[in-house]
């Protein structure tokens, strides 16, 4: 017919300019897209996130601005990428107000498009192991230090498209993992029953799900 399909727009900056707890929950079901310089692309559906904020002892921003965390204190809708354990990268969507120091860790995702490329980068054919964990997700999408500060809104190499938001009854909420402080905060969100969620899955939603948002 000669009619080109419309390319979904990236989520607007206003989506990220909210408390990290709200954004973390609302990122479930959204589609993270990576476009490579040669025009090839891969995409994944976000199934697990964790919220971090400035008054949170588990957050990199807790001790204030540093060279490492400068992006985290910047404009919402940018990507904060950090190196951990001397071997892995992890990526976060910066949230809240400019200068606030809050972000959402993208923990796990379901592969959708470009799976062969993800498998080659990860060295595994098992789709469940491609993006199930923050380091695996970065490796599968080829995200590294050079992407720190990338704008998710302007539609460059990385962006997050609307996808389909997950209903409340399909959202599992529980404590974050891999941290030594802030263990009592139920700020880890995942799609209930998804086989692509990383290990240590959250338990059932605590009481007052709505009341916990932004608290």
N, C-alpha and C. Protein backbone atom coordinates (compact mmCIF):
# COMPACT_ATOMS: atom_id res chain seq x y z
N UNK A 1 0.82 -1.21 0.00
CA UNK A 1 0.00 0.00 0.00
C UNK A 1 0.86 1.26 0.00
N UNK A 2 2.14 1.11 0.37
CA UNK A 2 3.03 2.26 0.39
C UNK A 2 2.89 3.11 1.63
N UNK A 3 2.03 2.69 2.57
CA UNK A 3 1.84 3.45 3.81
C UNK A 3 2.81 2.93 4.87
N UNK A 4 3.62 3.81 5.41
CA UNK A 4 4.58 3.41 6.43
C UNK A 4 3.93 3.39 7.80
N UNK A 5 4.25 2.38 8.59
CA UNK A 5 3.71 2.31 9.95
C UNK A 5 4.34 3.41 10.79
N UNK A 6 3.55 4.00 11.64
CA UNK A 6 4.05 5.07 12.51
C UNK A 6 5.00 4.49 13.55
N UNK A 7 6.10 5.16 13.77
CA UNK A 7 7.05 4.74 14.80
C UNK A 7 6.58 5.29 16.14
N UNK A 8 6.42 4.42 17.14
CA UNK A 8 5.97 4.92 18.45
C UNK A 8 6.91 5.99 18.99
N UNK A 9 6.33 6.99 19.58
CA UNK A 9 7.13 8.07 20.16
C UNK A 9 7.68 7.63 21.51
N UNK A 10 8.80 8.23 21.88
CA UNK A 10 9.36 7.97 23.20
C UNK A 10 8.47 8.57 24.27
N UNK A 11 8.49 8.00 25.45
CA UNK A 11 7.75 8.57 26.57
C UNK A 11 8.22 10.00 26.80
N UNK A 12 7.33 10.93 27.10
CA UNK A 12 7.72 12.33 27.26
C UNK A 12 8.48 12.58 28.56
N UNK A 13 9.15 13.71 28.63
CA UNK A 13 9.92 14.03 29.84
C UNK A 13 9.03 14.13 31.08
N UNK A 14 7.79 14.54 30.87
CA UNK A 14 6.86 14.66 32.01
C UNK A 14 6.61 13.31 32.67
N UNK A 15 6.76 12.22 31.92
CA UNK A 15 6.60 10.88 32.49
C UNK A 15 7.63 10.65 33.59
N UNK A 16 8.87 11.11 33.34
CA UNK A 16 9.97 10.88 34.28
C UNK A 16 10.03 11.93 35.38
N UNK A 17 9.40 13.08 35.17
CA UNK A 17 9.48 14.19 36.13
C UNK A 17 8.50 13.99 37.27
N UNK A 18 8.55 12.82 37.88
CA UNK A 18 7.70 12.44 39.00
C UNK A 18 8.52 11.65 40.01
N UNK A 19 7.98 11.38 41.20
CA UNK A 19 8.73 10.58 42.17
C UNK A 19 9.16 9.23 41.58
N UNK A 20 10.36 8.78 41.94
CA UNK A 20 10.90 7.55 41.38
C UNK A 20 10.02 6.34 41.65
N UNK A 21 9.32 6.33 42.78
CA UNK A 21 8.47 5.18 43.11
C UNK A 21 7.32 5.07 42.12
N UNK A 22 6.75 6.20 41.73
CA UNK A 22 5.67 6.18 40.74
C UNK A 22 6.20 5.75 39.38
N UNK A 23 7.34 6.30 38.99
CA UNK A 23 7.90 5.99 37.68
C UNK A 23 8.31 4.52 37.61
N UNK A 24 8.89 3.99 38.69
CA UNK A 24 9.32 2.59 38.71
C UNK A 24 8.15 1.65 38.44
N UNK A 25 7.03 1.92 39.08
CA UNK A 25 5.86 1.08 38.86
C UNK A 25 5.32 1.25 37.43
N UNK A 26 5.30 2.49 36.95
CA UNK A 26 4.70 2.78 35.64
C UNK A 26 5.60 2.40 34.47
N UNK A 27 6.87 2.09 34.73
CA UNK A 27 7.76 1.64 33.65
C UNK A 27 7.50 0.19 33.27
N UNK A 28 6.84 -0.57 34.12
CA UNK A 28 6.54 -1.96 33.79
C UNK A 28 5.66 -2.01 32.54
N UNK A 29 6.04 -2.86 31.60
CA UNK A 29 5.29 -3.00 30.36
C UNK A 29 5.72 -2.06 29.25
N UNK A 30 6.56 -1.10 29.57
CA UNK A 30 7.06 -0.16 28.55
C UNK A 30 8.17 -0.84 27.74
N UNK A 31 8.45 -0.30 26.57
CA UNK A 31 9.40 -0.95 25.67
C UNK A 31 10.67 -0.11 25.54
N UNK A 32 11.78 -0.70 25.94
CA UNK A 32 13.10 -0.07 25.83
C UNK A 32 13.69 -0.47 24.48
N UNK A 33 14.07 0.53 23.69
CA UNK A 33 14.57 0.30 22.33
C UNK A 33 16.01 0.79 22.20
N UNK A 34 16.86 -0.05 21.63
CA UNK A 34 18.24 0.33 21.34
C UNK A 34 18.45 0.31 19.83
N UNK A 35 18.84 1.42 19.26
CA UNK A 35 19.15 1.51 17.84
C UNK A 35 20.66 1.66 17.68
N UNK A 36 21.26 0.78 16.91
CA UNK A 36 22.70 0.79 16.73
C UNK A 36 23.10 1.70 15.57
N UNK A 37 24.36 2.11 15.52
CA UNK A 37 24.82 3.03 14.47
C UNK A 37 24.55 2.52 13.05
N UNK A 38 24.52 1.18 12.86
CA UNK A 38 24.28 0.65 11.52
C UNK A 38 22.79 0.55 11.18
N UNK A 39 21.94 1.03 12.09
CA UNK A 39 20.52 1.03 11.83
C UNK A 39 19.76 -0.15 12.39
N UNK A 40 20.48 -1.20 12.80
CA UNK A 40 19.79 -2.34 13.41
C UNK A 40 19.30 -1.95 14.80
N UNK A 41 18.32 -2.66 15.29
CA UNK A 41 17.76 -2.32 16.59
C UNK A 41 17.33 -3.56 17.34
N UNK A 42 17.22 -3.41 18.63
CA UNK A 42 16.64 -4.45 19.47
C UNK A 42 15.72 -3.78 20.46
N UNK A 43 14.75 -4.52 20.92
CA UNK A 43 13.80 -3.95 21.88
C UNK A 43 13.42 -5.00 22.92
N UNK A 44 13.08 -4.51 24.10
CA UNK A 44 12.71 -5.38 25.22
C UNK A 44 11.56 -4.74 25.99
N UNK A 45 10.75 -5.58 26.61
CA UNK A 45 9.64 -5.10 27.44
C UNK A 45 10.09 -5.13 28.91
N UNK A 46 10.05 -4.01 29.58
CA UNK A 46 10.52 -3.91 30.96
C UNK A 46 9.58 -4.68 31.89
N UNK A 47 10.15 -5.59 32.69
CA UNK A 47 9.34 -6.41 33.59
C UNK A 47 9.76 -6.28 35.06
N UNK A 48 10.84 -5.54 35.34
CA UNK A 48 11.29 -5.41 36.73
C UNK A 48 12.08 -4.12 36.91
N UNK A 49 11.78 -3.39 37.96
CA UNK A 49 12.44 -2.11 38.24
C UNK A 49 12.65 -1.94 39.74
N UNK A 50 13.51 -0.99 40.09
CA UNK A 50 13.69 -0.60 41.50
C UNK A 50 13.81 0.91 41.58
N UNK A 51 13.17 1.51 42.57
CA UNK A 51 13.21 2.95 42.76
C UNK A 51 14.29 3.34 43.77
N UNK A 52 14.97 4.46 43.49
CA UNK A 52 15.97 5.02 44.39
C UNK A 52 15.77 6.53 44.46
N UNK A 53 16.00 7.12 45.63
CA UNK A 53 15.84 8.57 45.76
C UNK A 53 16.87 9.14 46.73
N UNK A 54 16.92 10.45 46.80
CA UNK A 54 18.02 11.14 47.47
C UNK A 54 18.09 10.89 48.97
N UNK A 55 16.95 10.68 49.63
CA UNK A 55 16.94 10.45 51.07
C UNK A 55 17.03 8.96 51.41
N UNK A 56 17.42 8.17 50.45
CA UNK A 56 17.45 6.71 50.54
C UNK A 56 18.90 6.25 50.72
N UNK A 57 19.24 5.63 51.85
CA UNK A 57 20.63 5.24 52.10
C UNK A 57 21.18 4.22 51.11
N UNK A 58 20.30 3.57 50.34
CA UNK A 58 20.75 2.62 49.34
C UNK A 58 21.06 3.29 48.01
N UNK A 59 20.76 4.57 47.90
CA UNK A 59 20.92 5.28 46.63
C UNK A 59 22.30 5.88 46.49
N UNK A 60 22.81 5.90 45.27
CA UNK A 60 24.09 6.55 44.99
C UNK A 60 24.04 8.04 45.29
N UNK A 61 22.86 8.63 45.28
CA UNK A 61 22.72 10.07 45.49
C UNK A 61 22.65 10.46 46.97
N UNK A 62 22.65 9.48 47.86
CA UNK A 62 22.43 9.73 49.29
C UNK A 62 23.48 10.66 49.88
N UNK A 63 24.71 10.57 49.41
CA UNK A 63 25.80 11.40 49.95
C UNK A 63 26.04 12.67 49.12
N UNK A 64 25.09 12.98 48.25
CA UNK A 64 25.19 14.21 47.48
C UNK A 64 25.82 14.02 46.12
N UNK A 65 25.96 15.12 45.43
CA UNK A 65 26.51 15.10 44.07
C UNK A 65 27.98 14.71 44.07
N UNK A 66 28.34 13.84 43.15
CA UNK A 66 29.74 13.49 42.89
C UNK A 66 29.92 13.42 41.37
N UNK A 67 31.13 13.25 40.93
CA UNK A 67 31.38 13.10 39.50
C UNK A 67 30.59 11.90 38.98
N UNK A 68 30.55 10.83 39.78
CA UNK A 68 29.86 9.62 39.36
C UNK A 68 28.35 9.83 39.23
N UNK A 69 27.77 10.58 40.18
CA UNK A 69 26.31 10.68 40.24
C UNK A 69 25.74 11.95 39.61
N UNK A 70 26.57 12.75 38.96
CA UNK A 70 26.11 14.02 38.42
C UNK A 70 24.88 13.86 37.53
N UNK A 71 24.87 12.85 36.68
CA UNK A 71 23.72 12.65 35.78
C UNK A 71 22.46 12.36 36.57
N UNK A 72 22.60 11.65 37.67
CA UNK A 72 21.45 11.29 38.50
C UNK A 72 20.76 12.54 39.06
N UNK A 73 21.50 13.61 39.25
CA UNK A 73 20.95 14.87 39.77
C UNK A 73 20.47 15.79 38.64
N UNK A 74 20.62 15.34 37.41
CA UNK A 74 20.29 16.19 36.28
C UNK A 74 18.84 16.09 35.83
N UNK A 75 18.65 16.44 34.58
CA UNK A 75 17.31 16.51 34.00
C UNK A 75 16.65 15.14 33.96
N UNK A 76 15.38 15.01 34.32
CA UNK A 76 14.70 13.72 34.24
C UNK A 76 14.59 13.24 32.79
N UNK A 77 14.55 11.92 32.63
CA UNK A 77 14.45 11.36 31.30
C UNK A 77 15.78 11.06 30.65
N UNK A 78 16.87 11.22 31.42
CA UNK A 78 18.19 10.84 30.91
C UNK A 78 18.60 9.51 31.54
N UNK A 79 19.62 8.90 30.96
CA UNK A 79 20.07 7.59 31.42
C UNK A 79 21.28 7.73 32.33
N UNK A 80 21.21 7.15 33.50
CA UNK A 80 22.34 7.11 34.44
C UNK A 80 22.93 5.70 34.39
N UNK A 81 24.15 5.59 33.87
CA UNK A 81 24.82 4.30 33.74
C UNK A 81 26.00 4.27 34.70
N UNK A 82 26.11 3.22 35.49
CA UNK A 82 27.24 3.10 36.40
C UNK A 82 27.90 1.73 36.27
N UNK A 83 29.16 1.66 36.69
CA UNK A 83 29.98 0.45 36.64
C UNK A 83 30.03 -0.13 38.04
N UNK A 84 29.85 -1.43 38.16
CA UNK A 84 29.81 -2.03 39.48
C UNK A 84 30.59 -3.34 39.52
N UNK A 85 31.13 -3.68 40.66
CA UNK A 85 31.89 -4.91 40.88
C UNK A 85 33.06 -5.06 39.91
N UNK A 86 33.50 -3.95 39.33
CA UNK A 86 34.64 -3.98 38.43
C UNK A 86 34.41 -4.72 37.13
N UNK A 87 33.13 -5.01 36.80
CA UNK A 87 32.89 -5.80 35.59
C UNK A 87 31.55 -5.55 34.91
N UNK A 88 30.59 -4.94 35.59
CA UNK A 88 29.25 -4.83 35.03
C UNK A 88 28.78 -3.38 34.95
N UNK A 89 27.95 -3.11 33.95
CA UNK A 89 27.24 -1.84 33.86
C UNK A 89 25.78 -2.06 34.23
N UNK A 90 25.18 -1.03 34.83
CA UNK A 90 23.76 -1.05 35.14
C UNK A 90 23.18 0.29 34.69
N UNK A 91 21.91 0.30 34.26
CA UNK A 91 21.34 1.56 33.77
C UNK A 91 20.06 1.92 34.51
N UNK A 92 19.89 3.23 34.65
CA UNK A 92 18.77 3.79 35.40
C UNK A 92 18.15 4.94 34.61
N UNK A 93 16.85 5.09 34.74
CA UNK A 93 16.17 6.25 34.18
C UNK A 93 16.09 7.32 35.27
N UNK A 94 16.64 8.51 35.00
CA UNK A 94 16.63 9.60 35.97
C UNK A 94 15.21 10.15 36.10
N UNK A 95 14.80 10.39 37.33
CA UNK A 95 13.42 10.81 37.60
C UNK A 95 13.38 12.06 38.47
N UNK A 96 12.17 12.52 38.77
CA UNK A 96 11.98 13.64 39.70
C UNK A 96 12.32 14.98 39.07
N UNK A 97 12.62 15.94 39.93
CA UNK A 97 12.96 17.29 39.48
C UNK A 97 14.45 17.38 39.16
N UNK A 98 14.80 18.30 38.31
CA UNK A 98 16.20 18.58 38.02
C UNK A 98 16.88 18.97 39.34
N UNK A 99 17.96 18.25 39.69
CA UNK A 99 18.66 18.52 40.94
C UNK A 99 18.24 17.64 42.10
N UNK A 100 17.29 16.75 41.88
CA UNK A 100 16.73 15.96 42.98
C UNK A 100 17.57 14.74 43.36
N UNK A 101 18.16 14.06 42.40
CA UNK A 101 18.97 12.88 42.71
C UNK A 101 18.16 11.62 42.89
N UNK A 102 17.23 11.35 41.99
CA UNK A 102 16.45 10.12 42.07
C UNK A 102 16.46 9.42 40.71
N UNK A 103 16.29 8.10 40.74
CA UNK A 103 16.34 7.32 39.49
C UNK A 103 15.68 5.97 39.69
N UNK A 104 15.43 5.30 38.58
CA UNK A 104 14.84 3.96 38.59
C UNK A 104 15.80 3.01 37.90
N UNK A 105 16.22 1.97 38.62
CA UNK A 105 17.07 0.95 38.05
C UNK A 105 16.23 0.04 37.16
N UNK A 106 16.67 -0.17 35.93
CA UNK A 106 16.01 -1.10 35.02
C UNK A 106 16.63 -2.47 35.28
N UNK A 107 15.88 -3.33 35.96
CA UNK A 107 16.45 -4.60 36.43
C UNK A 107 16.34 -5.72 35.41
N UNK A 108 15.17 -5.91 34.82
CA UNK A 108 14.98 -7.04 33.92
C UNK A 108 13.98 -6.71 32.83
N UNK A 109 14.08 -7.45 31.72
CA UNK A 109 13.18 -7.20 30.61
C UNK A 109 12.97 -8.47 29.80
N UNK A 110 11.87 -8.49 29.07
CA UNK A 110 11.53 -9.59 28.17
C UNK A 110 11.99 -9.24 26.76
N UNK A 111 12.84 -10.05 26.14
CA UNK A 111 13.31 -9.76 24.78
C UNK A 111 12.15 -9.77 23.78
N UNK A 112 12.15 -8.81 22.87
CA UNK A 112 11.11 -8.74 21.85
C UNK A 112 11.71 -8.81 20.45
N UNK A 113 12.68 -7.97 20.18
CA UNK A 113 13.20 -7.77 18.82
C UNK A 113 14.72 -7.76 18.87
N UNK A 114 15.35 -8.31 17.83
CA UNK A 114 16.80 -8.34 17.77
C UNK A 114 17.40 -9.37 18.71
N UNK A 115 16.71 -10.48 18.90
CA UNK A 115 17.13 -11.48 19.88
C UNK A 115 18.45 -12.14 19.49
N UNK A 116 18.69 -12.32 18.19
CA UNK A 116 19.95 -12.94 17.75
C UNK A 116 21.15 -12.10 18.19
N UNK A 117 21.03 -10.79 18.04
CA UNK A 117 22.11 -9.90 18.46
C UNK A 117 22.31 -9.92 19.96
N UNK A 118 21.21 -9.94 20.70
CA UNK A 118 21.31 -10.02 22.17
C UNK A 118 21.98 -11.32 22.59
N UNK A 119 21.62 -12.43 21.93
CA UNK A 119 22.22 -13.73 22.26
C UNK A 119 23.71 -13.73 22.00
N UNK A 120 24.13 -13.09 20.90
CA UNK A 120 25.56 -13.03 20.58
C UNK A 120 26.32 -12.22 21.62
N UNK A 121 25.74 -11.09 22.04
CA UNK A 121 26.40 -10.25 23.04
C UNK A 121 26.44 -10.93 24.41
N UNK A 122 25.42 -11.69 24.71
CA UNK A 122 25.35 -12.35 26.02
C UNK A 122 26.02 -13.71 26.04
N UNK A 123 26.18 -14.34 24.87
CA UNK A 123 26.79 -15.66 24.82
C UNK A 123 25.87 -16.76 25.30
N UNK A 124 24.56 -16.58 25.11
CA UNK A 124 23.60 -17.61 25.50
C UNK A 124 22.41 -17.56 24.56
N UNK A 125 21.82 -18.73 24.33
CA UNK A 125 20.63 -18.82 23.50
C UNK A 125 19.35 -18.85 24.33
N UNK A 126 19.49 -18.94 25.63
CA UNK A 126 18.31 -19.03 26.51
C UNK A 126 17.68 -17.65 26.65
N UNK A 127 16.48 -17.43 26.12
CA UNK A 127 15.87 -16.10 26.19
C UNK A 127 15.65 -15.61 27.61
N UNK A 128 15.51 -16.53 28.56
CA UNK A 128 15.29 -16.13 29.95
C UNK A 128 16.53 -15.52 30.59
N UNK A 129 17.69 -15.81 30.01
CA UNK A 129 18.95 -15.33 30.58
C UNK A 129 19.51 -14.12 29.85
N UNK A 130 18.81 -13.63 28.85
CA UNK A 130 19.33 -12.50 28.08
C UNK A 130 19.28 -11.19 28.86
N UNK A 131 18.16 -10.92 29.51
CA UNK A 131 17.95 -9.61 30.14
C UNK A 131 17.45 -9.72 31.57
N UNK A 132 17.62 -10.86 32.22
CA UNK A 132 17.08 -11.06 33.57
C UNK A 132 18.10 -10.65 34.63
N UNK A 133 18.20 -9.36 34.84
CA UNK A 133 19.15 -8.78 35.78
C UNK A 133 19.74 -7.53 35.15
N UNK A 134 20.08 -6.53 35.95
CA UNK A 134 20.52 -5.24 35.39
C UNK A 134 21.78 -5.32 34.57
N UNK A 135 22.75 -6.14 34.98
CA UNK A 135 24.00 -6.27 34.21
C UNK A 135 23.75 -7.01 32.90
N UNK A 136 22.94 -8.06 32.96
CA UNK A 136 22.61 -8.80 31.74
C UNK A 136 21.87 -7.91 30.75
N UNK A 137 20.97 -7.09 31.26
CA UNK A 137 20.21 -6.20 30.40
C UNK A 137 21.13 -5.24 29.65
N UNK A 138 22.08 -4.65 30.36
CA UNK A 138 23.03 -3.75 29.71
C UNK A 138 23.87 -4.47 28.67
N UNK A 139 24.34 -5.66 29.01
CA UNK A 139 25.17 -6.41 28.07
C UNK A 139 24.37 -6.79 26.83
N UNK A 140 23.14 -7.23 27.01
CA UNK A 140 22.30 -7.64 25.88
C UNK A 140 22.06 -6.50 24.91
N UNK A 141 21.91 -5.28 25.44
CA UNK A 141 21.62 -4.12 24.61
C UNK A 141 22.88 -3.36 24.21
N UNK A 142 24.04 -3.83 24.67
CA UNK A 142 25.28 -3.15 24.33
C UNK A 142 25.40 -1.78 24.97
N UNK A 143 24.86 -1.64 26.18
CA UNK A 143 24.89 -0.36 26.89
C UNK A 143 26.09 -0.31 27.82
N UNK A 144 26.85 0.78 27.74
CA UNK A 144 28.03 0.91 28.58
C UNK A 144 28.27 2.34 29.00
N UNK A 145 29.49 2.62 29.39
CA UNK A 145 29.86 3.92 29.94
C UNK A 145 29.51 5.09 29.00
N UNK A 146 29.65 4.88 27.70
CA UNK A 146 29.39 5.95 26.73
C UNK A 146 27.94 6.39 26.72
N UNK A 147 27.04 5.59 27.28
CA UNK A 147 25.62 5.93 27.27
C UNK A 147 25.19 6.68 28.53
N UNK A 148 26.12 6.88 29.45
CA UNK A 148 25.78 7.66 30.63
C UNK A 148 25.40 9.08 30.21
N UNK A 149 24.20 9.52 30.60
CA UNK A 149 23.72 10.84 30.22
C UNK A 149 22.89 10.86 28.96
N UNK A 150 22.73 9.70 28.29
CA UNK A 150 21.92 9.65 27.06
C UNK A 150 20.49 10.11 27.36
N UNK A 151 19.90 10.81 26.41
CA UNK A 151 18.54 11.33 26.59
C UNK A 151 17.54 10.31 26.06
N UNK A 152 16.71 9.75 26.94
CA UNK A 152 15.72 8.75 26.56
C UNK A 152 14.53 9.37 25.84
N UNK A 153 14.39 10.67 25.94
CA UNK A 153 13.22 11.36 25.40
C UNK A 153 13.41 11.77 23.95
N UNK A 154 14.61 12.14 23.58
CA UNK A 154 14.85 12.69 22.25
C UNK A 154 14.98 11.65 21.16
N UNK A 155 14.90 10.38 21.52
CA UNK A 155 14.87 9.33 20.51
C UNK A 155 16.18 9.07 19.82
N UNK A 156 17.28 9.07 20.56
CA UNK A 156 18.58 8.74 19.99
C UNK A 156 18.80 7.24 19.97
N UNK A 157 19.99 6.81 20.43
CA UNK A 157 20.29 5.38 20.43
C UNK A 157 19.39 4.61 21.37
N UNK A 158 18.96 5.24 22.43
CA UNK A 158 18.12 4.58 23.43
C UNK A 158 16.88 5.41 23.70
N UNK A 159 15.76 4.74 23.79
CA UNK A 159 14.52 5.42 24.16
C UNK A 159 13.57 4.41 24.78
N UNK A 160 12.57 4.90 25.50
CA UNK A 160 11.54 4.04 26.06
C UNK A 160 10.20 4.45 25.46
N UNK A 161 9.56 3.49 24.78
CA UNK A 161 8.27 3.73 24.14
C UNK A 161 7.13 3.32 25.07
N UNK A 162 5.91 3.81 24.81
CA UNK A 162 4.79 3.56 25.72
C UNK A 162 4.47 2.10 25.98
N UNK A 163 4.55 1.23 24.97
CA UNK A 163 4.20 -0.17 25.19
C UNK A 163 2.80 -0.30 25.74
N UNK A 164 2.62 -1.14 26.76
CA UNK A 164 1.31 -1.32 27.39
C UNK A 164 1.50 -1.39 28.90
N UNK A 165 0.93 -0.46 29.62
CA UNK A 165 1.08 -0.41 31.07
C UNK A 165 0.47 -1.67 31.71
N UNK A 166 1.08 -2.15 32.76
CA UNK A 166 0.66 -3.36 33.45
C UNK A 166 -0.39 -3.03 34.51
N UNK A 167 -1.46 -3.81 34.55
CA UNK A 167 -2.53 -3.59 35.52
C UNK A 167 -2.03 -3.84 36.94
N UNK A 168 -2.63 -3.15 37.92
CA UNK A 168 -2.20 -3.27 39.31
C UNK A 168 -2.20 -4.70 39.83
N UNK A 169 -3.19 -5.50 39.42
CA UNK A 169 -3.27 -6.86 39.96
C UNK A 169 -2.19 -7.78 39.39
N UNK A 170 -1.43 -7.31 38.42
CA UNK A 170 -0.34 -8.08 37.85
C UNK A 170 1.03 -7.55 38.28
N UNK A 171 1.03 -6.59 39.20
CA UNK A 171 2.27 -6.00 39.68
C UNK A 171 2.63 -6.57 41.05
N UNK A 172 3.82 -7.15 41.16
CA UNK A 172 4.34 -7.63 42.44
C UNK A 172 5.26 -6.57 43.02
N UNK A 173 5.17 -6.35 44.33
CA UNK A 173 5.96 -5.32 44.99
C UNK A 173 6.67 -5.93 46.19
N UNK A 174 7.93 -5.57 46.37
CA UNK A 174 8.68 -6.10 47.49
C UNK A 174 9.97 -5.34 47.71
N UNK A 175 10.81 -5.80 48.64
CA UNK A 175 12.07 -5.11 48.92
C UNK A 175 13.06 -5.27 47.77
N UNK A 176 13.94 -4.28 47.64
CA UNK A 176 14.99 -4.33 46.64
C UNK A 176 16.04 -5.37 47.01
N UNK A 177 16.83 -5.78 46.02
CA UNK A 177 17.85 -6.80 46.27
C UNK A 177 19.23 -6.24 45.98
N UNK A 178 20.26 -6.92 46.53
CA UNK A 178 21.63 -6.52 46.25
C UNK A 178 22.06 -5.23 46.93
N UNK A 179 21.36 -4.84 48.00
CA UNK A 179 21.71 -3.61 48.71
C UNK A 179 21.93 -3.94 50.19
N UNK A 180 22.61 -3.04 50.90
CA UNK A 180 22.90 -3.26 52.32
C UNK A 180 22.10 -2.33 53.23
N UNK A 181 21.45 -1.33 52.64
CA UNK A 181 20.65 -0.37 53.41
C UNK A 181 19.31 -0.18 52.71
N UNK A 182 18.34 0.35 53.45
CA UNK A 182 17.03 0.57 52.86
C UNK A 182 16.30 -0.71 52.52
N UNK A 183 16.63 -1.78 53.25
CA UNK A 183 16.04 -3.09 52.95
C UNK A 183 14.55 -3.16 53.27
N UNK A 184 14.07 -2.23 54.09
CA UNK A 184 12.67 -2.29 54.51
C UNK A 184 11.73 -1.62 53.51
N UNK A 185 12.27 -0.94 52.52
CA UNK A 185 11.43 -0.21 51.58
C UNK A 185 10.95 -1.12 50.44
N UNK A 186 9.62 -1.21 50.23
CA UNK A 186 9.09 -2.06 49.15
C UNK A 186 9.11 -1.33 47.81
N UNK A 187 10.30 -1.08 47.30
CA UNK A 187 10.45 -0.25 46.12
C UNK A 187 10.93 -1.04 44.90
N UNK A 188 10.68 -2.33 44.93
CA UNK A 188 10.99 -3.18 43.78
C UNK A 188 9.67 -3.62 43.15
N UNK A 189 9.56 -3.40 41.85
CA UNK A 189 8.32 -3.68 41.14
C UNK A 189 8.59 -4.67 40.02
N UNK A 190 7.70 -5.64 39.84
CA UNK A 190 7.89 -6.61 38.76
C UNK A 190 6.53 -7.09 38.25
N UNK A 191 6.56 -7.67 37.07
CA UNK A 191 5.35 -8.24 36.47
C UNK A 191 5.15 -9.63 37.05
N UNK A 192 4.06 -9.81 37.76
CA UNK A 192 3.79 -11.07 38.44
C UNK A 192 3.72 -12.22 37.42
N UNK A 193 4.48 -13.28 37.70
CA UNK A 193 4.44 -14.47 36.86
C UNK A 193 5.35 -14.43 35.65
N UNK A 194 6.02 -13.31 35.40
CA UNK A 194 6.91 -13.24 34.24
C UNK A 194 8.14 -14.11 34.46
N UNK A 195 8.47 -14.93 33.48
CA UNK A 195 9.65 -15.79 33.60
C UNK A 195 10.94 -15.04 33.32
N UNK A 196 10.82 -13.76 32.98
CA UNK A 196 11.99 -12.96 32.67
C UNK A 196 12.45 -12.10 33.84
N UNK A 197 11.71 -12.14 34.96
CA UNK A 197 12.12 -11.41 36.17
C UNK A 197 13.34 -12.09 36.77
N UNK A 198 14.25 -11.29 37.33
CA UNK A 198 15.48 -11.86 37.89
C UNK A 198 15.19 -12.63 39.17
N UNK A 199 16.20 -13.29 39.69
CA UNK A 199 16.05 -14.09 40.91
C UNK A 199 15.70 -13.21 42.10
N UNK A 200 15.19 -13.86 43.17
CA UNK A 200 14.80 -13.11 44.35
C UNK A 200 13.54 -12.32 44.10
N UNK A 201 12.54 -12.97 43.54
CA UNK A 201 11.34 -12.27 43.12
C UNK A 201 10.59 -11.68 44.31
N UNK A 202 9.99 -10.52 44.12
CA UNK A 202 9.21 -9.90 45.20
C UNK A 202 8.01 -10.75 45.57
N UNK A 203 7.55 -10.57 46.80
CA UNK A 203 6.38 -11.28 47.27
C UNK A 203 5.10 -10.57 46.88
N UNK A 204 3.99 -10.94 47.51
CA UNK A 204 2.71 -10.31 47.20
C UNK A 204 2.73 -8.82 47.55
N UNK A 205 1.86 -8.05 46.92
CA UNK A 205 1.81 -6.62 47.21
C UNK A 205 1.49 -6.37 48.68
N UNK A 206 2.16 -5.42 49.32
CA UNK A 206 1.82 -5.08 50.69
C UNK A 206 0.50 -4.31 50.72
N UNK A 207 -0.10 -4.14 51.89
CA UNK A 207 -1.34 -3.35 51.97
C UNK A 207 -1.11 -1.92 51.48
N UNK A 208 -2.19 -1.28 51.06
CA UNK A 208 -2.16 0.13 50.66
C UNK A 208 -1.17 0.37 49.53
N UNK A 209 -1.34 -0.43 48.46
CA UNK A 209 -0.48 -0.28 47.29
C UNK A 209 -0.45 1.15 46.80
N UNK A 210 -1.61 1.74 46.62
CA UNK A 210 -1.67 3.11 46.10
C UNK A 210 -1.05 4.10 47.07
N UNK A 211 -1.27 3.87 48.36
CA UNK A 211 -0.75 4.80 49.34
C UNK A 211 0.75 4.81 49.43
N UNK A 212 1.40 3.73 48.96
CA UNK A 212 2.86 3.66 49.06
C UNK A 212 3.55 4.45 47.96
N UNK A 213 2.81 4.83 46.94
CA UNK A 213 3.42 5.52 45.81
C UNK A 213 3.80 6.95 46.19
N UNK A 214 5.05 7.24 46.03
CA UNK A 214 5.53 8.58 46.32
C UNK A 214 5.75 8.87 47.79
N UNK A 215 5.61 7.83 48.63
CA UNK A 215 5.75 8.06 50.07
C UNK A 215 7.22 8.16 50.46
